[in-house]
């Protein structure tokens, strides 16, 4: 039976279907300003592990959103509240934040926001309790293009990359929509383009796809996976055959929970000081 499409209210409020012991003990530091531009103040929320001692530093996971429903703030959505808590309950620092991507020509502006957030976290690592040399970036949906600069640059602090139902190839414009982006911009922000030779080896990759997602999005994911395998990259591919876009909040089933648990274990393993 076809699952009904979620309402905007459902998307905004729904929490991740996977839970961990200790999530209820996590206390977030909210509304930390990471960038000021004119009258615009962009904020992040920090989720430290419960009981983190003063002066201690832990590896961090930065969660990158795509466009959000009108009037919503990404870091206040149930999905990002949950992932911040899941990271902290895993002994990591979870970081959620708002950027200004609303589609189309805001891509470059938002890419600057993402870059500035990462730079701010590393610069203020001591005050934030973050180990600036051990970080993972985890992107969702329309946040996928912001992985492209990281795959091109491959900074040493980037220990792994996670993409959940994400746009990983923007070179082909979406069908039935006006295309306002220059082809070179599309190429620049297509993660698949940056899987070739670079300044360092590719970081380990984890890609999760939803079998019931839009074919256009999944075709881009599949091209990314094929190219990563052709490059012999370290890749974990997790497919939810019956999952919808946003399965981690919309499809409360064993497969969704297993994928989220696997991704958290993957992140923890690659942020270990032994790797």
Protein backbone atom coordinates (compact mmCIF):
# COMPACT_ATOMS: atom_id res chain seq x y z
CA UNK A 1 0.00 0.00 0.00
CA UNK A 2 1.31 3.45 -0.92
CA UNK A 3 2.25 5.51 2.11
CA UNK A 4 0.54 8.94 2.34
CA UNK A 5 2.76 11.99 1.81
CA UNK A 6 3.73 13.72 5.05
CA UNK A 7 2.32 17.12 5.98
CA UNK A 8 4.64 20.07 6.58
CA UNK A 9 3.75 19.91 10.28
CA UNK A 10 4.75 16.25 10.34
CA UNK A 11 8.06 17.00 8.66
CA UNK A 12 8.88 19.82 11.09
CA UNK A 13 7.91 18.00 14.29
CA UNK A 14 8.85 14.38 13.62
CA UNK A 15 11.76 12.97 15.58
CA UNK A 16 14.22 10.32 14.43
CA UNK A 17 12.77 6.85 14.94
CA UNK A 18 15.97 5.49 16.52
CA UNK A 19 16.69 6.19 20.19
CA UNK A 20 19.70 5.72 22.46
CA UNK A 21 19.99 5.54 26.25
CA UNK A 22 21.08 8.87 27.67
CA UNK A 23 19.40 11.09 25.07
CA UNK A 24 17.07 12.49 27.73
CA UNK A 25 20.11 13.65 29.76
CA UNK A 26 21.55 15.77 26.93
CA UNK A 27 21.46 19.53 27.52
CA UNK A 28 22.04 21.68 24.43
CA UNK A 29 23.65 25.08 24.27
CA UNK A 30 21.28 26.89 21.94
CA UNK A 31 21.44 30.06 19.88
CA UNK A 32 25.22 30.37 19.61
CA UNK A 33 26.01 32.91 16.90
CA UNK A 34 28.53 31.65 14.37
CA UNK A 35 28.21 34.40 11.76
CA UNK A 36 26.98 37.97 11.57
CA UNK A 37 26.40 39.66 8.24
CA UNK A 38 24.71 43.05 8.41
CA UNK A 39 21.44 42.53 10.27
CA UNK A 40 21.65 38.76 9.79
CA UNK A 41 22.72 36.58 12.72
CA UNK A 42 23.21 32.91 11.94
CA UNK A 43 23.07 30.52 14.87
CA UNK A 44 24.14 27.02 15.85
CA UNK A 45 23.14 24.67 18.65
CA UNK A 46 25.73 22.58 20.47
CA UNK A 47 24.99 19.16 21.98
CA UNK A 48 27.86 18.08 24.28
CA UNK A 49 27.90 14.61 25.83
CA UNK A 50 26.32 14.55 29.31
CA UNK A 51 28.90 15.10 32.04
CA UNK A 52 31.60 16.47 29.74
CA UNK A 53 34.24 17.96 32.00
CA UNK A 54 35.40 21.55 31.64
CA UNK A 55 38.31 21.77 29.23
CA UNK A 56 37.62 18.35 27.70
CA UNK A 57 37.32 18.03 23.94
CA UNK A 58 35.36 15.47 21.98
CA UNK A 59 35.05 14.72 18.26
CA UNK A 60 32.17 16.50 16.56
CA UNK A 61 29.45 15.70 14.04
CA UNK A 62 28.09 18.62 12.03
CA UNK A 63 24.60 18.04 10.61
CA UNK A 64 23.85 19.95 7.39
CA UNK A 65 20.26 20.56 6.31
CA UNK A 66 18.71 21.37 2.95
CA UNK A 67 15.87 23.85 2.28
CA UNK A 68 13.33 23.85 5.12
CA UNK A 69 9.57 24.50 5.16
CA UNK A 70 8.57 28.20 5.20
CA UNK A 71 8.82 29.72 8.66
CA UNK A 72 10.83 26.82 10.10
CA UNK A 73 14.33 26.92 11.54
CA UNK A 74 16.26 23.77 10.69
CA UNK A 75 17.97 23.40 14.05
CA UNK A 76 14.58 23.53 15.77
CA UNK A 77 13.09 20.73 13.67
CA UNK A 78 12.52 17.39 15.35
CA UNK A 79 14.98 15.60 13.09
CA UNK A 80 17.89 17.84 14.09
CA UNK A 81 16.93 17.95 17.76
CA UNK A 82 17.11 14.16 17.65
CA UNK A 83 20.40 13.92 15.80
CA UNK A 84 22.05 16.39 18.16
CA UNK A 85 20.94 14.25 21.09
CA UNK A 86 21.94 11.01 19.35
CA UNK A 87 25.44 12.36 18.72
CA UNK A 88 25.82 13.49 22.34
CA UNK A 89 24.49 10.18 23.69
CA UNK A 90 27.16 8.51 21.53
CA UNK A 91 29.88 10.47 23.33
CA UNK A 92 30.33 13.02 20.54
CA UNK A 93 29.55 16.72 20.20
CA UNK A 94 26.54 17.22 17.94
CA UNK A 95 26.28 20.50 16.04
CA UNK A 96 23.17 21.72 14.24
CA UNK A 97 22.82 25.11 12.60
CA UNK A 98 20.81 27.28 10.24
CA UNK A 99 22.09 28.41 6.86
CA UNK A 100 20.42 30.41 4.10
CA UNK A 101 19.80 27.84 1.38
CA UNK A 102 16.28 28.10 0.01
CA UNK A 103 17.06 26.67 -3.42
CA UNK A 104 18.36 28.05 -6.70
CA UNK A 105 20.66 31.03 -6.55
CA UNK A 106 20.97 30.98 -2.74
CA UNK A 107 23.28 27.97 -3.12
CA UNK A 108 26.52 29.95 -3.22
CA UNK A 109 25.51 32.17 -0.28
CA UNK A 110 24.56 29.15 1.79
CA UNK A 111 27.80 27.38 0.87
CA UNK A 112 29.60 30.34 2.41
CA UNK A 113 27.51 29.92 5.55
CA UNK A 114 28.42 26.23 5.80
CA UNK A 115 32.10 26.99 5.28
CA UNK A 116 31.99 29.73 7.89
CA UNK A 117 30.25 27.44 10.38
CA UNK A 118 32.96 24.81 10.01
CA UNK A 119 35.69 27.43 10.34
CA UNK A 120 34.01 28.91 13.43
CA UNK A 121 33.71 25.52 15.14
CA UNK A 122 37.37 24.77 14.55
CA UNK A 123 38.51 28.26 15.60
CA UNK A 124 36.43 28.20 18.79
CA UNK A 125 37.01 24.50 19.43
CA UNK A 126 38.34 24.99 22.95
CA UNK A 127 35.33 26.98 24.12
CA UNK A 128 32.98 24.54 22.41
CA UNK A 129 34.60 21.38 23.79
CA UNK A 130 35.40 20.13 20.28
CA UNK A 131 38.44 18.30 18.98
CA UNK A 132 39.04 20.34 15.80
CA UNK A 133 41.06 17.55 14.16
CA UNK A 134 38.30 14.93 14.41
CA UNK A 135 35.07 15.96 12.74
CA UNK A 136 32.42 14.37 10.52
CA UNK A 137 30.00 16.19 8.24
CA UNK A 138 26.58 14.55 7.81
CA UNK A 139 24.28 16.02 5.15
CA UNK A 140 20.61 15.43 4.43
CA UNK A 141 18.55 15.88 1.28
CA UNK A 142 19.26 19.30 -0.29
CA UNK A 143 22.28 19.69 2.00
CA UNK A 144 24.16 17.21 -0.18
CA UNK A 145 25.71 19.83 -2.50
CA UNK A 146 27.56 21.35 0.47
CA UNK A 147 29.63 18.18 0.67
CA UNK A 148 31.20 18.98 -2.71
CA UNK A 149 33.76 21.56 -1.49
CA UNK A 150 34.81 19.20 1.31
CA UNK A 151 35.35 16.31 -1.10
CA UNK A 152 37.35 18.62 -3.34
CA UNK A 153 39.53 19.99 -0.51
CA UNK A 154 39.67 16.87 1.72
CA UNK A 155 40.90 18.64 4.85
CA UNK A 156 42.77 16.44 7.30
CA UNK A 157 40.24 17.06 10.07
CA UNK A 158 37.40 15.56 8.00
CA UNK A 159 37.39 11.95 9.20
CA UNK A 160 34.26 10.79 7.31
CA UNK A 161 31.27 12.01 5.30
CA UNK A 162 27.66 10.85 5.64
CA UNK A 163 24.87 11.55 3.14
CA UNK A 164 21.24 10.64 3.88
CA UNK A 165 18.86 10.74 0.85
CA UNK A 166 21.01 13.60 -0.45
CA UNK A 167 21.44 15.35 -3.79
CA UNK A 168 24.88 14.15 -4.86
CA UNK A 169 24.88 15.05 -8.55
CA UNK A 170 23.52 18.45 -9.62
CA UNK A 171 24.96 18.40 -13.12
CA UNK A 172 21.58 17.39 -14.57
CA UNK A 173 18.88 20.02 -13.84
CA UNK A 174 15.73 18.67 -12.16
CA UNK A 175 12.93 17.89 -14.60
CA UNK A 176 9.99 20.26 -14.88
CA UNK A 177 11.61 23.12 -12.98
CA UNK A 178 13.20 26.36 -14.17
CA UNK A 179 16.98 26.14 -14.21
CA UNK A 180 18.63 29.32 -12.92
CA UNK A 181 22.06 27.88 -12.13
CA UNK A 182 25.10 28.16 -14.35
CA UNK A 183 26.37 24.73 -15.49
CA UNK A 184 29.73 25.41 -13.85
CA UNK A 185 28.02 26.10 -10.53
CA UNK A 186 26.13 22.83 -10.90
CA UNK A 187 29.38 21.03 -11.49
CA UNK A 188 31.15 22.79 -8.61
CA UNK A 189 28.47 21.68 -6.15
CA UNK A 190 28.06 18.13 -7.42
CA UNK A 191 29.81 15.81 -4.94
CA UNK A 192 30.16 13.12 -7.62
CA UNK A 193 32.51 15.41 -9.57
CA UNK A 194 34.99 15.54 -6.70
CA UNK A 195 35.56 11.82 -6.21
CA UNK A 196 38.61 11.78 -8.48
CA UNK A 197 42.23 12.49 -7.60
CA UNK A 198 42.67 15.15 -4.93
CA UNK A 199 45.10 16.57 -2.37
CA UNK A 200 44.49 13.60 -0.05
CA UNK A 201 42.68 10.27 -0.22
CA UNK A 202 38.90 10.47 -0.01
CA UNK A 203 37.49 10.24 3.52
CA UNK A 204 35.33 7.19 4.29
CA UNK A 205 31.84 7.64 2.87
CA UNK A 206 28.43 6.44 4.02
CA UNK A 207 25.43 6.89 1.73
CA UNK A 208 21.84 6.05 2.68
CA UNK A 209 19.11 6.05 0.03
CA UNK A 210 15.35 5.63 0.14
CA UNK A 211 13.93 3.20 -2.39
CA UNK A 212 10.66 5.16 -2.71
CA UNK A 213 12.43 8.49 -3.19
CA UNK A 214 12.09 10.55 -6.36
CA UNK A 215 13.83 8.71 -9.24
CA UNK A 216 15.74 11.87 -10.18
CA UNK A 217 17.33 12.09 -6.73
CA UNK A 218 18.12 8.37 -6.58
CA UNK A 219 19.67 8.44 -10.05
CA UNK A 220 22.15 11.04 -8.77
CA UNK A 221 22.88 8.94 -5.68
CA UNK A 222 23.45 5.89 -7.86
CA UNK A 223 25.88 7.79 -10.10
CA UNK A 224 27.78 8.89 -6.99
CA UNK A 225 27.94 5.33 -5.68
CA UNK A 226 29.11 3.95 -9.03
CA UNK A 227 31.84 6.59 -9.28
CA UNK A 228 32.95 6.02 -5.67
CA UNK A 229 33.26 2.29 -6.35
CA UNK A 230 35.13 2.95 -9.58
CA UNK A 231 37.58 5.03 -7.52
CA UNK A 232 37.79 2.20 -4.95
CA UNK A 233 36.65 4.57 -2.21
CA UNK A 234 35.79 3.33 1.26
CA UNK A 235 31.99 3.29 0.98
CA UNK A 236 29.09 2.02 3.08
CA UNK A 237 25.81 1.95 1.10
CA UNK A 238 22.57 1.53 3.05
CA UNK A 239 19.35 1.14 1.08
CA UNK A 240 15.87 1.30 2.59
CA UNK A 241 13.94 -0.43 -0.17
CA UNK A 242 10.53 0.62 1.19
CA UNK A 243 11.68 3.92 2.68
CA UNK A 244 10.49 7.38 1.78
CA UNK A 245 12.55 10.55 1.54
CA UNK A 246 13.15 11.24 5.23
CA UNK A 247 12.64 7.62 6.22
CA UNK A 248 14.56 8.23 9.45
CA UNK A 249 11.65 10.33 10.75
CA UNK A 250 8.72 9.12 8.62
CA UNK A 251 9.10 5.34 8.51
CA UNK A 252 9.20 3.89 12.01
CA UNK A 253 10.37 0.42 11.10
CA UNK A 254 13.27 -1.92 11.77
CA UNK A 255 15.16 -0.95 8.61
CA UNK A 256 15.07 2.78 9.40
CA UNK A 257 16.32 2.15 12.91
CA UNK A 258 19.06 -0.17 11.65
CA UNK A 259 20.29 2.40 9.12
CA UNK A 260 20.48 5.19 11.71
CA UNK A 261 22.22 2.88 14.19
CA UNK A 262 24.71 1.79 11.51
CA UNK A 263 25.44 5.40 10.57
CA UNK A 264 26.05 6.39 14.19
CA UNK A 265 28.39 3.42 14.67
CA UNK A 266 30.20 4.35 11.43
CA UNK A 267 30.68 7.93 12.65
CA UNK A 268 31.89 6.84 16.07
CA UNK A 269 34.34 4.36 14.58
CA UNK A 270 35.91 6.91 12.24
CA UNK A 271 36.16 9.53 14.97
CA UNK A 272 38.06 7.14 17.20
CA UNK A 273 41.57 8.36 18.07
CA UNK A 274 42.85 4.99 16.85
CA UNK A 275 41.90 5.79 13.22
